[in-house]
Amino acid sequence: MVLRDLALRWRLPLLWFWAACFPVLAFLYWSPDTAPPTGIGDWDFGLDKPIHAGTHGFMVLIPALLIGGRWRAFVIGLGFATAITLEFGQLYVPGRSFEVLDIVANVTGALLGWWVAVRLREL
C-alpha cells in the first residue's frame, strides 16, 4: 500500500519522465554507432540483452502501474509496439544492426514489466 500511495503521489512527474523516454530511446536506437557500454574496459559482461529487457520493462511498468481503464491497455500496447518498432528501425541506420534476439529481449522485458505491474497492483 505504501508503494501505491507513493506512486500515486508522484504520478504526474513519473508519467512526464516516462513520456520523455520515447524520444531518448528513438535517438539511442537510431543514432549511428550509439551503443550502450556492456562491460568495463576490456571485460565485456554481455549486458546488451539485459539492457534491452530492462529498458522496455520500464516502458511498460510505469504506465501499467499509474494509468487506469482503457488508457492502460493503450499505453501498454504502445510499450510493446515501441519494443518492436525501434529494433526494426535499425535496419535503416548506418552502423546499427537489426537482431531478432534484441526483439526477443525487448518483448521479454516488456512482458516482465507488465507482470511486475500486475503483481504490484494486487498489493
N, C-alpha and C. Protein backbone atom coordinates (compact mmCIF):
# COMPACT_ATOMS: atom_id res chain seq x y z
N MET A 1 0.82 -1.19 0.00
CA MET A 1 0.00 0.00 0.00
C MET A 1 0.86 1.26 0.00
N VAL A 2 2.00 1.21 0.68
CA VAL A 2 2.89 2.37 0.73
C VAL A 2 3.43 2.66 -0.66
N LEU A 3 3.81 1.62 -1.39
CA LEU A 3 4.33 1.81 -2.75
C LEU A 3 3.29 2.44 -3.65
N ARG A 4 2.06 1.97 -3.55
CA ARG A 4 0.99 2.52 -4.39
C ARG A 4 0.72 3.99 -4.04
N ASP A 5 0.69 4.32 -2.75
CA ASP A 5 0.49 5.71 -2.33
C ASP A 5 1.62 6.61 -2.84
N LEU A 6 2.84 6.11 -2.75
CA LEU A 6 3.98 6.87 -3.22
C LEU A 6 3.91 7.07 -4.73
N ALA A 7 3.55 6.01 -5.45
CA ALA A 7 3.44 6.10 -6.91
C ALA A 7 2.34 7.08 -7.31
N LEU A 8 1.22 7.06 -6.61
CA LEU A 8 0.14 7.98 -6.94
C LEU A 8 0.51 9.43 -6.63
N ARG A 9 1.28 9.63 -5.59
CA ARG A 9 1.72 10.99 -5.24
C ARG A 9 2.64 11.54 -6.32
N TRP A 10 3.48 10.70 -6.87
CA TRP A 10 4.44 11.11 -7.90
C TRP A 10 3.97 10.76 -9.30
N ARG A 11 2.70 10.52 -9.47
CA ARG A 11 2.13 10.04 -10.74
C ARG A 11 2.46 10.95 -11.92
N LEU A 12 2.14 12.21 -11.82
CA LEU A 12 2.35 13.12 -12.94
C LEU A 12 3.82 13.27 -13.31
N PRO A 13 4.73 13.51 -12.36
CA PRO A 13 6.16 13.59 -12.75
C PRO A 13 6.67 12.28 -13.35
N LEU A 14 6.23 11.15 -12.81
CA LEU A 14 6.66 9.87 -13.37
C LEU A 14 6.16 9.67 -14.79
N LEU A 15 4.92 10.07 -15.05
CA LEU A 15 4.38 9.95 -16.40
C LEU A 15 5.07 10.89 -17.38
N TRP A 16 5.42 12.09 -16.93
CA TRP A 16 6.18 13.01 -17.79
C TRP A 16 7.55 12.44 -18.09
N PHE A 17 8.19 11.88 -17.07
CA PHE A 17 9.51 11.27 -17.27
C PHE A 17 9.40 10.10 -18.25
N TRP A 18 8.36 9.28 -18.08
CA TRP A 18 8.13 8.14 -18.96
C TRP A 18 7.93 8.62 -20.40
N ALA A 19 7.12 9.64 -20.60
CA ALA A 19 6.87 10.16 -21.95
C ALA A 19 8.15 10.73 -22.57
N ALA A 20 8.99 11.33 -21.75
CA ALA A 20 10.25 11.88 -22.25
C ALA A 20 11.22 10.78 -22.67
N CYS A 21 11.01 9.57 -22.21
CA CYS A 21 11.90 8.46 -22.58
C CYS A 21 11.73 8.04 -24.03
N PHE A 22 10.56 8.26 -24.63
CA PHE A 22 10.35 7.84 -26.02
C PHE A 22 11.32 8.50 -26.99
N PRO A 23 11.44 9.83 -26.98
CA PRO A 23 12.41 10.43 -27.91
C PRO A 23 13.85 10.05 -27.58
N VAL A 24 14.16 9.88 -26.32
CA VAL A 24 15.51 9.47 -25.94
C VAL A 24 15.80 8.07 -26.48
N LEU A 25 14.84 7.16 -26.32
CA LEU A 25 15.02 5.81 -26.86
C LEU A 25 15.18 5.83 -28.38
N ALA A 26 14.35 6.60 -29.05
CA ALA A 26 14.45 6.69 -30.51
C ALA A 26 15.84 7.21 -30.92
N PHE A 27 16.32 8.22 -30.21
CA PHE A 27 17.65 8.76 -30.51
C PHE A 27 18.72 7.70 -30.30
N LEU A 28 18.66 6.99 -29.18
CA LEU A 28 19.68 5.98 -28.88
C LEU A 28 19.63 4.81 -29.86
N TYR A 29 18.43 4.39 -30.24
CA TYR A 29 18.30 3.27 -31.17
C TYR A 29 18.70 3.65 -32.58
N TRP A 30 18.41 4.86 -33.00
CA TRP A 30 18.56 5.22 -34.40
C TRP A 30 19.74 6.13 -34.68
N SER A 31 20.58 6.38 -33.70
CA SER A 31 21.80 7.15 -33.95
C SER A 31 22.89 6.19 -34.37
N PRO A 32 23.61 6.55 -35.43
CA PRO A 32 24.70 5.68 -35.86
C PRO A 32 25.76 5.51 -34.76
N ASP A 33 26.19 4.31 -34.59
CA ASP A 33 27.29 3.99 -33.66
C ASP A 33 27.03 4.43 -32.22
N THR A 34 25.79 4.41 -31.79
CA THR A 34 25.47 4.72 -30.40
C THR A 34 25.03 3.42 -29.74
N ALA A 35 25.91 2.83 -28.99
CA ALA A 35 25.57 1.58 -28.31
C ALA A 35 25.92 1.72 -26.84
N PRO A 36 25.09 1.17 -25.95
CA PRO A 36 25.40 1.28 -24.53
C PRO A 36 26.61 0.43 -24.18
N PRO A 37 27.38 0.85 -23.18
CA PRO A 37 28.52 0.02 -22.77
C PRO A 37 27.99 -1.28 -22.15
N THR A 38 28.63 -2.37 -22.51
CA THR A 38 28.21 -3.67 -21.98
C THR A 38 29.31 -4.30 -21.13
N GLY A 39 30.30 -3.52 -20.77
CA GLY A 39 31.38 -4.03 -19.95
C GLY A 39 32.20 -2.89 -19.39
N ILE A 40 33.30 -3.27 -18.78
CA ILE A 40 34.22 -2.28 -18.20
C ILE A 40 35.60 -2.56 -18.79
N GLY A 41 36.14 -1.57 -19.47
CA GLY A 41 37.45 -1.76 -20.10
C GLY A 41 37.40 -2.86 -21.14
N ASP A 42 38.30 -3.81 -21.01
CA ASP A 42 38.35 -4.93 -21.95
C ASP A 42 37.41 -6.07 -21.55
N TRP A 43 36.77 -5.97 -20.42
CA TRP A 43 35.88 -7.04 -19.95
C TRP A 43 34.47 -6.77 -20.44
N ASP A 44 33.99 -7.63 -21.29
CA ASP A 44 32.62 -7.49 -21.79
C ASP A 44 31.73 -8.45 -21.01
N PHE A 45 30.75 -7.91 -20.31
CA PHE A 45 29.86 -8.72 -19.48
C PHE A 45 28.62 -9.20 -20.22
N GLY A 46 28.48 -8.83 -21.49
CA GLY A 46 27.32 -9.26 -22.26
C GLY A 46 26.02 -8.70 -21.72
N LEU A 47 26.01 -7.43 -21.41
CA LEU A 47 24.83 -6.80 -20.82
C LEU A 47 23.85 -6.25 -21.85
N ASP A 48 24.11 -6.47 -23.14
CA ASP A 48 23.25 -5.91 -24.18
C ASP A 48 21.80 -6.36 -24.02
N LYS A 49 21.56 -7.63 -23.90
CA LYS A 49 20.17 -8.13 -23.81
C LYS A 49 19.50 -7.72 -22.50
N PRO A 50 20.19 -7.80 -21.34
CA PRO A 50 19.55 -7.29 -20.11
C PRO A 50 19.23 -5.79 -20.18
N ILE A 51 20.06 -5.01 -20.87
CA ILE A 51 19.76 -3.58 -21.02
C ILE A 51 18.50 -3.40 -21.86
N HIS A 52 18.39 -4.16 -22.95
CA HIS A 52 17.18 -4.11 -23.78
C HIS A 52 15.95 -4.48 -22.94
N ALA A 53 16.04 -5.58 -22.21
CA ALA A 53 14.89 -6.05 -21.42
C ALA A 53 14.52 -5.05 -20.34
N GLY A 54 15.50 -4.53 -19.64
CA GLY A 54 15.22 -3.57 -18.57
C GLY A 54 14.59 -2.28 -19.07
N THR A 55 15.10 -1.79 -20.19
CA THR A 55 14.56 -0.56 -20.77
C THR A 55 13.10 -0.72 -21.14
N HIS A 56 12.78 -1.79 -21.85
CA HIS A 56 11.41 -1.97 -22.30
C HIS A 56 10.50 -2.46 -21.17
N GLY A 57 11.07 -3.10 -20.17
CA GLY A 57 10.29 -3.42 -18.97
C GLY A 57 9.83 -2.15 -18.27
N PHE A 58 10.73 -1.18 -18.17
CA PHE A 58 10.40 0.11 -17.58
C PHE A 58 9.32 0.83 -18.39
N MET A 59 9.43 0.74 -19.74
CA MET A 59 8.48 1.44 -20.60
C MET A 59 7.06 0.86 -20.51
N VAL A 60 6.93 -0.34 -19.99
CA VAL A 60 5.60 -0.92 -19.77
C VAL A 60 5.20 -0.83 -18.30
N LEU A 61 6.15 -0.98 -17.40
CA LEU A 61 5.86 -0.98 -15.96
C LEU A 61 5.22 0.33 -15.50
N ILE A 62 5.80 1.44 -15.86
CA ILE A 62 5.32 2.74 -15.37
C ILE A 62 3.86 2.99 -15.77
N PRO A 63 3.49 2.89 -17.05
CA PRO A 63 2.08 3.15 -17.36
C PRO A 63 1.14 2.08 -16.82
N ALA A 64 1.62 0.84 -16.74
CA ALA A 64 0.77 -0.23 -16.21
C ALA A 64 0.45 0.01 -14.74
N LEU A 65 1.34 0.67 -14.04
CA LEU A 65 1.10 0.99 -12.63
C LEU A 65 0.25 2.24 -12.44
N LEU A 66 0.47 3.23 -13.28
CA LEU A 66 -0.06 4.56 -12.99
C LEU A 66 -1.28 4.97 -13.80
N ILE A 67 -1.60 4.23 -14.85
CA ILE A 67 -2.73 4.61 -15.69
C ILE A 67 -3.80 3.56 -15.56
N GLY A 68 -5.04 3.99 -15.50
CA GLY A 68 -6.15 3.05 -15.33
C GLY A 68 -7.06 2.99 -16.54
N GLY A 69 -7.98 2.08 -16.50
CA GLY A 69 -9.02 1.97 -17.52
C GLY A 69 -8.51 1.58 -18.88
N ARG A 70 -9.21 2.05 -19.90
CA ARG A 70 -8.85 1.73 -21.28
C ARG A 70 -7.50 2.30 -21.69
N TRP A 71 -7.11 3.40 -21.10
CA TRP A 71 -5.83 4.00 -21.45
C TRP A 71 -4.67 3.09 -21.08
N ARG A 72 -4.84 2.30 -20.02
CA ARG A 72 -3.77 1.39 -19.60
C ARG A 72 -3.44 0.42 -20.73
N ALA A 73 -4.45 -0.17 -21.33
CA ALA A 73 -4.22 -1.11 -22.43
C ALA A 73 -3.52 -0.41 -23.60
N PHE A 74 -3.91 0.83 -23.87
CA PHE A 74 -3.31 1.58 -24.97
C PHE A 74 -1.82 1.82 -24.72
N VAL A 75 -1.47 2.30 -23.54
CA VAL A 75 -0.07 2.63 -23.29
C VAL A 75 0.78 1.37 -23.14
N ILE A 76 0.21 0.29 -22.63
CA ILE A 76 0.95 -0.97 -22.59
C ILE A 76 1.20 -1.46 -24.01
N GLY A 77 0.19 -1.36 -24.86
CA GLY A 77 0.37 -1.71 -26.27
C GLY A 77 1.41 -0.84 -26.93
N LEU A 78 1.44 0.44 -26.57
CA LEU A 78 2.45 1.36 -27.09
C LEU A 78 3.85 0.91 -26.67
N GLY A 79 3.97 0.44 -25.44
CA GLY A 79 5.26 -0.07 -24.97
C GLY A 79 5.72 -1.28 -25.78
N PHE A 80 4.80 -2.20 -26.06
CA PHE A 80 5.15 -3.36 -26.87
C PHE A 80 5.47 -2.97 -28.31
N ALA A 81 4.69 -2.05 -28.87
CA ALA A 81 4.95 -1.60 -30.24
C ALA A 81 6.30 -0.91 -30.33
N THR A 82 6.65 -0.14 -29.33
CA THR A 82 7.94 0.52 -29.29
C THR A 82 9.07 -0.51 -29.24
N ALA A 83 8.87 -1.56 -28.45
CA ALA A 83 9.88 -2.60 -28.32
C ALA A 83 10.22 -3.24 -29.66
N ILE A 84 9.25 -3.34 -30.52
CA ILE A 84 9.45 -3.97 -31.83
C ILE A 84 9.87 -2.94 -32.88
N THR A 85 9.20 -1.81 -32.92
CA THR A 85 9.44 -0.80 -33.95
C THR A 85 10.85 -0.23 -33.89
N LEU A 86 11.35 0.06 -32.70
CA LEU A 86 12.68 0.65 -32.60
C LEU A 86 13.75 -0.28 -33.15
N GLU A 87 13.59 -1.57 -32.92
CA GLU A 87 14.57 -2.52 -33.44
C GLU A 87 14.50 -2.61 -34.96
N PHE A 88 13.30 -2.66 -35.52
CA PHE A 88 13.16 -2.71 -36.98
C PHE A 88 13.72 -1.44 -37.63
N GLY A 89 13.60 -0.31 -36.94
CA GLY A 89 14.13 0.94 -37.48
C GLY A 89 15.63 0.91 -37.67
N GLN A 90 16.31 0.05 -36.92
CA GLN A 90 17.77 -0.03 -37.05
C GLN A 90 18.20 -0.63 -38.39
N LEU A 91 17.29 -1.24 -39.11
CA LEU A 91 17.61 -1.75 -40.44
C LEU A 91 18.08 -0.63 -41.37
N TYR A 92 17.62 0.58 -41.10
CA TYR A 92 17.87 1.71 -41.99
C TYR A 92 18.90 2.70 -41.45
N VAL A 93 19.57 2.33 -40.37
CA VAL A 93 20.54 3.24 -39.75
C VAL A 93 21.95 2.70 -39.99
N PRO A 94 22.80 3.49 -40.67
CA PRO A 94 24.18 3.03 -40.89
C PRO A 94 24.90 2.81 -39.56
N GLY A 95 25.63 1.73 -39.48
CA GLY A 95 26.39 1.45 -38.26
C GLY A 95 25.59 0.71 -37.20
N ARG A 96 24.30 0.52 -37.41
CA ARG A 96 23.46 -0.22 -36.45
C ARG A 96 23.03 -1.52 -37.11
N SER A 97 22.61 -2.47 -36.30
CA SER A 97 22.19 -3.75 -36.87
C SER A 97 20.88 -4.20 -36.23
N PHE A 98 20.09 -4.87 -37.02
CA PHE A 98 18.84 -5.47 -36.57
C PHE A 98 19.15 -6.87 -36.07
N GLU A 99 18.64 -7.19 -34.88
CA GLU A 99 18.84 -8.53 -34.32
C GLU A 99 17.51 -9.05 -33.78
N VAL A 100 17.18 -10.26 -34.19
CA VAL A 100 15.95 -10.89 -33.69
C VAL A 100 16.04 -11.09 -32.18
N LEU A 101 17.23 -11.43 -31.67
CA LEU A 101 17.38 -11.63 -30.22
C LEU A 101 17.15 -10.33 -29.45
N ASP A 102 17.42 -9.18 -30.07
CA ASP A 102 17.10 -7.91 -29.41
C ASP A 102 15.59 -7.73 -29.30
N ILE A 103 14.85 -8.11 -30.34
CA ILE A 103 13.39 -8.04 -30.26
C ILE A 103 12.88 -8.97 -29.17
N VAL A 104 13.46 -10.18 -29.10
CA VAL A 104 13.07 -11.13 -28.06
C VAL A 104 13.34 -10.53 -26.68
N ALA A 105 14.50 -9.92 -26.50
CA ALA A 105 14.84 -9.28 -25.22
C ALA A 105 13.90 -8.12 -24.92
N ASN A 106 13.59 -7.31 -25.94
CA ASN A 106 12.68 -6.17 -25.75
C ASN A 106 11.29 -6.64 -25.32
N VAL A 107 10.75 -7.61 -26.03
CA VAL A 107 9.40 -8.09 -25.72
C VAL A 107 9.38 -8.84 -24.39
N THR A 108 10.43 -9.59 -24.10
CA THR A 108 10.52 -10.27 -22.80
C THR A 108 10.54 -9.26 -21.67
N GLY A 109 11.31 -8.20 -21.83
CA GLY A 109 11.35 -7.14 -20.82
C GLY A 109 10.00 -6.47 -20.67
N ALA A 110 9.33 -6.21 -21.78
CA ALA A 110 8.01 -5.58 -21.73
C ALA A 110 7.01 -6.50 -21.01
N LEU A 111 7.06 -7.79 -21.30
CA LEU A 111 6.18 -8.75 -20.60
C LEU A 111 6.50 -8.80 -19.11
N LEU A 112 7.77 -8.78 -18.78
CA LEU A 112 8.17 -8.80 -17.38
C LEU A 112 7.70 -7.52 -16.66
N GLY A 113 7.83 -6.39 -17.34
CA GLY A 113 7.34 -5.13 -16.76
C GLY A 113 5.85 -5.17 -16.52
N TRP A 114 5.11 -5.72 -17.46
CA TRP A 114 3.66 -5.86 -17.30
C TRP A 114 3.33 -6.79 -16.14
N TRP A 115 4.04 -7.92 -16.06
CA TRP A 115 3.80 -8.91 -15.00
C TRP A 115 4.08 -8.30 -13.63
N VAL A 116 5.19 -7.57 -13.50
CA VAL A 116 5.53 -6.93 -12.23
C VAL A 116 4.45 -5.90 -11.86
N ALA A 117 3.98 -5.14 -12.83
CA ALA A 117 2.94 -4.14 -12.56
C ALA A 117 1.66 -4.80 -12.07
N VAL A 118 1.28 -5.90 -12.70
CA VAL A 118 0.07 -6.62 -12.27
C VAL A 118 0.23 -7.10 -10.83
N ARG A 119 1.39 -7.65 -10.50
CA ARG A 119 1.63 -8.12 -9.13
C ARG A 119 1.63 -6.97 -8.14
N LEU A 120 2.22 -5.86 -8.49
CA LEU A 120 2.27 -4.71 -7.59
C LEU A 120 0.88 -4.12 -7.39
N ARG A 121 0.06 -4.12 -8.41
CA ARG A 121 -1.30 -3.58 -8.28
C ARG A 121 -2.16 -4.46 -7.37
N GLU A 122 -1.79 -5.73 -7.24
CA GLU A 122 -2.54 -6.64 -6.36
C GLU A 122 -2.23 -6.40 -4.88
N LEU A 123 -1.12 -5.72 -4.60
CA LEU A 123 -0.75 -5.46 -3.18
C LEU A 123 -1.71 -4.51 -2.51
